C-alpha atoms as a PDB file:
ATOM      1  CA  MET A   1     151.124 155.652  28.513  1.00  0.00           C
ATOM      2  CA  THR A   2     149.262 152.443  27.740  1.00  0.00           C
ATOM      3  CA  ILE A   3     150.633 149.600  25.624  1.00  0.00           C
ATOM      4  CA  GLU A   4     148.209 146.974  24.339  1.00  0.00           C
ATOM      5  CA  ILE A   5     150.007 143.649  23.944  1.00  0.00           C
ATOM      6  CA  LYS A   6     148.004 141.418  21.623  1.00  0.00           C
ATOM      7  CA  GLU A   7     150.578 138.828  20.564  1.00  0.00           C
ATOM      8  CA  LYS A   8     151.952 135.971  22.643  1.00  0.00           C
ATOM      9  CA  GLY A   9     155.578 135.969  23.636  1.00  0.00           C
ATOM     10  CA  SER A  10     158.028 133.373  22.367  1.00  0.00           C
ATOM     11  CA  LYS A  11     158.987 130.244  24.265  1.00  0.00           C
ATOM     12  CA  GLN A  12     162.348 131.886  25.036  1.00  0.00           C
ATOM     13  CA  TYR A  13     160.540 134.924  26.487  1.00  0.00           C
ATOM     14  CA  TYR A  14     158.458 132.828  28.891  1.00  0.00           C
ATOM     15  CA  GLU A  15     161.448 130.680  29.858  1.00  0.00           C
ATOM     16  CA  GLU A  16     163.424 133.847  30.593  1.00  0.00           C
ATOM     17  CA  ILE A  17     160.586 135.118  32.808  1.00  0.00           C
ATOM     18  CA  ALA A  18     160.596 131.795  34.695  1.00  0.00           C
ATOM     19  CA  ASN A  19     164.388 132.082  35.142  1.00  0.00           C
ATOM     20  CA  ILE A  20     164.028 135.653  36.395  1.00  0.00           C
ATOM     21  CA  ASN A  21     161.329 134.679  38.890  1.00  0.00           C
ATOM     22  CA  SER A  22     163.386 131.767  40.223  1.00  0.00           C
ATOM     23  CA  GLN A  23     166.419 134.047  40.696  1.00  0.00           C
ATOM     24  CA  TYR A  24     164.477 137.075  41.986  1.00  0.00           C
ATOM     25  CA  MET A  25     166.219 137.434  45.361  1.00  0.00           C
ATOM     26  CA  GLN A  26     169.715 137.094  43.890  1.00  0.00           C
ATOM     27  CA  LEU A  27     168.865 139.694  41.232  1.00  0.00           C
ATOM     28  CA  LEU A  28     167.412 142.026  43.871  1.00  0.00           C
ATOM     29  CA  ARG A  29     170.649 141.800  45.886  1.00  0.00           C
ATOM     30  CA  ASN A  30     172.830 142.183  42.784  1.00  0.00           C
ATOM     31  CA  PRO A  31     170.873 143.761  39.902  1.00  0.00           C
ATOM     32  CA  ARG A  32     173.773 143.282  37.468  1.00  0.00           C
ATOM     33  CA  LEU A  33     174.037 139.545  38.151  1.00  0.00           C
ATOM     34  CA  LYS A  34     174.269 137.435  35.019  1.00  0.00           C
ATOM     35  CA  LEU A  35     171.032 135.517  34.626  1.00  0.00           C
ATOM     36  CA  GLY A  36     171.755 131.824  35.071  1.00  0.00           C
ATOM     37  CA  ASN A  37     170.013 129.057  33.191  1.00  0.00           C
ATOM     38  CA  THR A  38     168.029 127.234  35.866  1.00  0.00           C
ATOM     39  CA  PHE A  39     166.509 124.890  33.258  1.00  0.00           C
ATOM     40  CA  ARG A  40     169.932 123.529  32.344  1.00  0.00           C
ATOM     41  CA  LEU A  41     170.949 123.197  35.991  1.00  0.00           C
ATOM     42  CA  HIS A  42     167.802 121.292  36.958  1.00  0.00           C
ATOM     43  CA  THR A  43     167.953 119.129  33.835  1.00  0.00           C
ATOM     44  CA  ILE A  44     171.503 118.103  34.734  1.00  0.00           C
ATOM     45  CA  LEU A  45     170.545 117.484  38.367  1.00  0.00           C
ATOM     46  CA  ALA A  46     167.460 115.485  37.363  1.00  0.00           C
ATOM     47  CA  ALA A  47     169.605 113.307  35.097  1.00  0.00           C
ATOM     48  CA  VAL A  48     172.581 112.876  37.422  1.00  0.00           C
ATOM     49  CA  MET A  49     170.895 112.398  40.821  1.00  0.00           C
ATOM     50  CA  PRO A  50     169.145 109.063  40.060  1.00  0.00           C
ATOM     51  CA  VAL A  51     172.470 107.677  38.765  1.00  0.00           C
ATOM     52  CA  VAL A  52     174.295 108.887  41.886  1.00  0.00           C
ATOM     53  CA  PHE A  53     171.522 107.385  44.034  1.00  0.00           C
ATOM     54  CA  ILE A  54     171.893 103.946  42.428  1.00  0.00           C
ATOM     55  CA  LEU A  55     175.695 104.056  42.449  1.00  0.00           C
ATOM     56  CA  TYR A  56     175.715 105.045  46.115  1.00  0.00           C
ATOM     57  CA  ILE A  57     173.474 102.093  47.019  1.00  0.00           C
ATOM     58  CA  VAL A  58     175.542  99.641  44.955  1.00  0.00           C
ATOM     59  CA  PHE A  59     178.879 100.771  46.408  1.00  0.00           C
ATOM     60  CA  ALA A  60     177.527 101.030  49.957  1.00  0.00           C
ATOM     61  CA  ILE A  61     176.127  97.497  49.855  1.00  0.00           C
ATOM     62  CA  LYS A  62     179.124  96.063  47.984  1.00  0.00           C
ATOM     63  CA  GLY A  63     181.595  97.744  50.342  1.00  0.00           C
ATOM     64  CA  GLY A  64     179.662  96.708  53.428  1.00  0.00           C
ATOM     65  CA  SER A  65     179.497 100.283  54.644  1.00  0.00           C
ATOM     66  CA  PHE A  66     175.740 100.800  54.581  1.00  0.00           C
ATOM     67  CA  ARG A  67     175.151 102.652  57.868  1.00  0.00           C
ATOM     68  CA  PRO A  68     172.444 104.949  59.234  1.00  0.00           C
ATOM     69  CA  ALA A  69     174.306 107.938  57.791  1.00  0.00           C
ATOM     70  CA  SER A  70     173.922 106.327  54.366  1.00  0.00           C
ATOM     71  CA  VAL A  71     170.151 106.563  54.687  1.00  0.00           C
ATOM     72  CA  ILE A  72     170.450 110.315  55.289  1.00  0.00           C
ATOM     73  CA  VAL A  73     172.724 110.726  52.250  1.00  0.00           C
ATOM     74  CA  LEU A  74     170.299 108.705  50.101  1.00  0.00           C
ATOM     75  CA  PHE A  75     167.390 110.793  51.371  1.00  0.00           C
ATOM     76  CA  VAL A  76     169.192 114.048  50.445  1.00  0.00           C
ATOM     77  CA  ILE A  77     170.034 112.699  46.967  1.00  0.00           C
ATOM     78  CA  ALA A  78     166.433 111.547  46.403  1.00  0.00           C
ATOM     79  CA  LEU A  79     165.041 114.861  47.680  1.00  0.00           C
ATOM     80  CA  SER A  80     167.342 116.821  45.338  1.00  0.00           C
ATOM     81  CA  ALA A  81     166.271 114.706  42.356  1.00  0.00           C
ATOM     82  CA  TYR A  82     162.605 115.129  43.286  1.00  0.00           C
ATOM     83  CA  ALA A  83     162.985 118.912  43.648  1.00  0.00           C
ATOM     84  CA  SER A  84     164.647 119.167  40.232  1.00  0.00           C
ATOM     85  CA  PHE A  85     161.996 117.014  38.543  1.00  0.00           C
ATOM     86  CA  THR A  86     159.239 119.058  40.192  1.00  0.00           C
ATOM     87  CA  TYR A  87     160.820 122.373  39.164  1.00  0.00           C
ATOM     88  CA  LEU A  88     161.184 121.208  35.557  1.00  0.00           C
ATOM     89  CA  ARG A  89     157.642 119.826  35.364  1.00  0.00           C
ATOM     90  CA  LYS A  90     155.996 122.909  36.875  1.00  0.00           C
ATOM     91  CA  THR A  91     158.046 125.382  34.866  1.00  0.00           C
ATOM     92  CA  LYS A  92     157.463 123.557  31.579  1.00  0.00           C
ATOM     93  CA  LYS A  93     153.734 123.424  32.359  1.00  0.00           C
ATOM     94  CA  MET A  94     153.694 127.162  33.094  1.00  0.00           C
ATOM     95  CA  VAL A  95     155.557 128.003  29.866  1.00  0.00           C
ATOM     96  CA  ASN A  96     153.265 125.735  27.827  1.00  0.00           C
ATOM     97  CA  ASP A  97     150.168 127.281  29.451  1.00  0.00           C
ATOM     98  CA  PHE A  98     151.360 130.754  28.481  1.00  0.00           C
ATOM     99  CA  LEU A  99     152.101 129.609  24.942  1.00  0.00           C
ATOM    100  CA  THR A 100     148.719 127.912  24.441  1.00  0.00           C
ATOM    101  CA  ASN A 101     146.468 130.200  26.481  1.00  0.00           C
ATOM    102  CA  GLY A 102     148.193 133.522  25.935  1.00  0.00           C
ATOM    103  CA  ALA A 103     145.775 136.312  26.762  1.00  0.00           C
ATOM    104  CA  ASP A 104     145.940 139.958  25.788  1.00  0.00           C
ATOM    105  CA  GLU A 105     147.842 142.178  28.203  1.00  0.00           C
ATOM    106  CA  THR A 106     147.842 145.886  28.914  1.00  0.00           C
ATOM    107  CA  LEU A 107     150.944 147.586  30.280  1.00  0.00           C
ATOM    108  CA  THR A 108     150.245 150.970  31.858  1.00  0.00           C
ATOM    109  CA  LEU A 109     152.958 153.455  32.755  1.00  0.00           C
ATOM    110  CA  ASP A 110     151.663 156.579  34.477  1.00  0.00           C
ATOM    111  CA  LYS A 111     152.628 159.092  37.161  1.00  0.00           C
ATOM    112  CA  LYS A 112     151.715 156.602  39.923  1.00  0.00           C
ATOM    113  CA  GLY A 113     153.622 153.557  38.697  1.00  0.00           C
ATOM    114  CA  VAL A 114     153.607 150.608  36.345  1.00  0.00           C
ATOM    115  CA  ALA A 115     150.798 148.079  35.995  1.00  0.00           C
ATOM    116  CA  LEU A 116     150.236 144.922  33.994  1.00  0.00           C
ATOM    117  CA  LYS A 117     146.709 143.676  33.423  1.00  0.00           C
ATOM    118  CA  ARG A 118     146.228 140.277  31.860  1.00  0.00           C
ATOM    119  CA  GLU A 119     142.872 139.495  30.330  1.00  0.00           C
ATOM    120  CA  GLY A 120     140.888 137.433  32.832  1.00  0.00           C
ATOM    121  CA  SER A 121     143.156 138.098  35.818  1.00  0.00           C
ATOM    122  CA  GLU A 122     143.919 140.764  38.386  1.00  0.00           C
ATOM    123  CA  GLU A 123     146.087 143.766  37.678  1.00  0.00           C
ATOM    124  CA  VAL A 124     149.619 143.732  39.100  1.00  0.00           C
ATOM    125  CA  ARG A 125     150.829 147.220  40.007  1.00  0.00           C
ATOM    126  CA  LEU A 126     154.061 148.671  41.358  1.00  0.00           C
ATOM    127  CA  ARG A 127     154.239 152.253  42.547  1.00  0.00           C
ATOM    128  CA  TRP A 128     157.353 154.088  41.372  1.00  0.00           C
ATOM    129  CA  GLY A 129     158.582 154.313  44.967  1.00  0.00           C
ATOM    130  CA  ASN A 130     158.565 150.513  45.138  1.00  0.00           C
ATOM    131  CA  VAL A 131     160.476 149.901  41.891  1.00  0.00           C
ATOM    132  CA  ALA A 132     164.047 148.936  42.804  1.00  0.00           C
ATOM    133  CA  PHE A 133     165.306 148.936  39.222  1.00  0.00           C
ATOM    134  CA  VAL A 134     164.402 148.147  35.631  1.00  0.00           C
ATOM    135  CA  ARG A 135     166.497 145.481  33.961  1.00  0.00           C
ATOM    136  CA  VAL A 136     166.710 144.849  30.231  1.00  0.00           C
ATOM    137  CA  PHE A 137     167.356 141.172  29.525  1.00  0.00           C
ATOM    138  CA  GLU A 138     167.728 139.396  26.205  1.00  0.00           C
ATOM    139  CA  GLU A 139     163.984 138.782  25.687  1.00  0.00           C
ATOM    140  CA  SER A 140     162.319 141.049  28.250  1.00  0.00           C
ATOM    141  CA  THR A 141     162.432 144.299  30.169  1.00  0.00           C
ATOM    142  CA  CYS A 142     161.439 143.830  33.812  1.00  0.00           C
ATOM    143  CA  PHE A 143     160.398 146.072  36.703  1.00  0.00           C
ATOM    144  CA  PHE A 144     161.567 144.645  40.053  1.00  0.00           C
ATOM    145  CA  ALA A 145     159.744 145.370  43.310  1.00  0.00           C
ATOM    146  CA  GLU A 146     161.974 146.762  46.040  1.00  0.00           C
ATOM    147  CA  ASP A 147     159.906 145.333  48.915  1.00  0.00           C
ATOM    148  CA  LYS A 148     161.001 141.693  48.330  1.00  0.00           C
ATOM    149  CA  SER A 149     157.422 140.705  47.527  1.00  0.00           C
ATOM    150  CA  GLY A 150     158.638 138.767  44.504  1.00  0.00           C
ATOM    151  CA  VAL A 151     156.743 140.983  42.080  1.00  0.00           C
ATOM    152  CA  VAL A 152     158.371 141.315  38.683  1.00  0.00           C
ATOM    153  CA  ILE A 153     156.474 143.039  35.889  1.00  0.00           C
ATOM    154  CA  PRO A 154     157.847 141.836  32.560  1.00  0.00           C
ATOM    155  CA  VAL A 155     157.276 143.246  29.101  1.00  0.00           C
ATOM    156  CA  ASN A 156     158.492 141.811  25.825  1.00  0.00           C
ATOM    157  CA  ASN A 157     161.487 143.641  24.370  1.00  0.00           C
ATOM    158  CA  ALA A 158     159.401 144.499  21.320  1.00  0.00           C
ATOM    159  CA  TYR A 159     158.164 147.351  23.577  1.00  0.00           C
ATOM    160  CA  ARG A 160     161.516 148.085  25.267  1.00  0.00           C
ATOM    161  CA  ASP A 161     162.199 151.365  23.479  1.00  0.00           C
ATOM    162  CA  GLU A 162     158.763 152.778  24.328  1.00  0.00           C
ATOM    163  CA  VAL A 163     159.152 151.798  27.993  1.00  0.00           C
ATOM    164  CA  LEU A 164     162.674 153.224  28.306  1.00  0.00           C
ATOM    165  CA  GLN A 165     161.664 156.421  26.514  1.00  0.00           C
ATOM    166  CA  PHE A 166     158.788 156.906  28.986  1.00  0.00           C
ATOM    167  CA  LEU A 167     161.125 156.350  31.945  1.00  0.00           C
ATOM    168  CA  ARG A 168     163.685 158.847  30.639  1.00  0.00           C
ATOM    169  CA  LYS A 169     161.086 161.522  29.837  1.00  0.00           C
ATOM    170  CA  SER A 170     159.455 161.134  33.253  1.00  0.00           C
ATOM    171  CA  ASN A 171     162.687 161.773  35.201  1.00  0.00           C
ATOM    172  CA  LEU A 172     161.884 158.965  37.633  1.00  0.00           C
ATOM    173  CA  HIS A 173     165.466 158.293  38.826  1.00  0.00           C
ATOM    174  CA  ILE A 174     164.999 154.533  38.628  1.00  0.00           C
ATOM    175  CA  PRO A 175     168.176 152.632  37.750  1.00  0.00           C
ATOM    176  CA  ILE A 176     167.990 151.046  34.295  1.00  0.00           C
ATOM    177  CA  ILE A 177     170.330 148.098  33.851  1.00  0.00           C
ATOM    178  CA  ALA A 178     170.952 146.674  30.384  1.00  0.00           C
ATOM    179  CA  ASP A 179     172.524 143.276  29.647  1.00  0.00           C
ATOM    180  CA  ARG A 180     174.005 144.582  26.417  1.00  0.00           C
END
């Protein structure tokens, strides 16, 4: 079965895919894990860490307890803030790129496996023996690679019923996990 995907996904769809990719290993270990909102977490960290950094310096200097260990603590706080800012910037750029440069996609489900081909890029394929499970999220249905390669093949939930119907008719014995 081949599904031609001509329309772009929503901002929520691409943000969900980014969340799924950032939580891939946790989801692979526990496929029923509730998907966390990494955007909110990193936004909070990016806002709070600079304040904590400044307060730590002020209280350390004011209290006269600025020691070598304080430099390590400040370094860890600064590194955490930098990591959160970097995650937010890169993820927002990726989501915006998908929204502005959305290319046509082709999802192929056949006897060998599942493949996603994006116009102008290489095909990503998972053989059925390497699919750990299929998870239905709020915006997407995703195929997770069992081999810990980090490969997730997402499809917009507008095509969920077709995908699930194919899986059921094919008797593939792949766990299907639904959030609902």
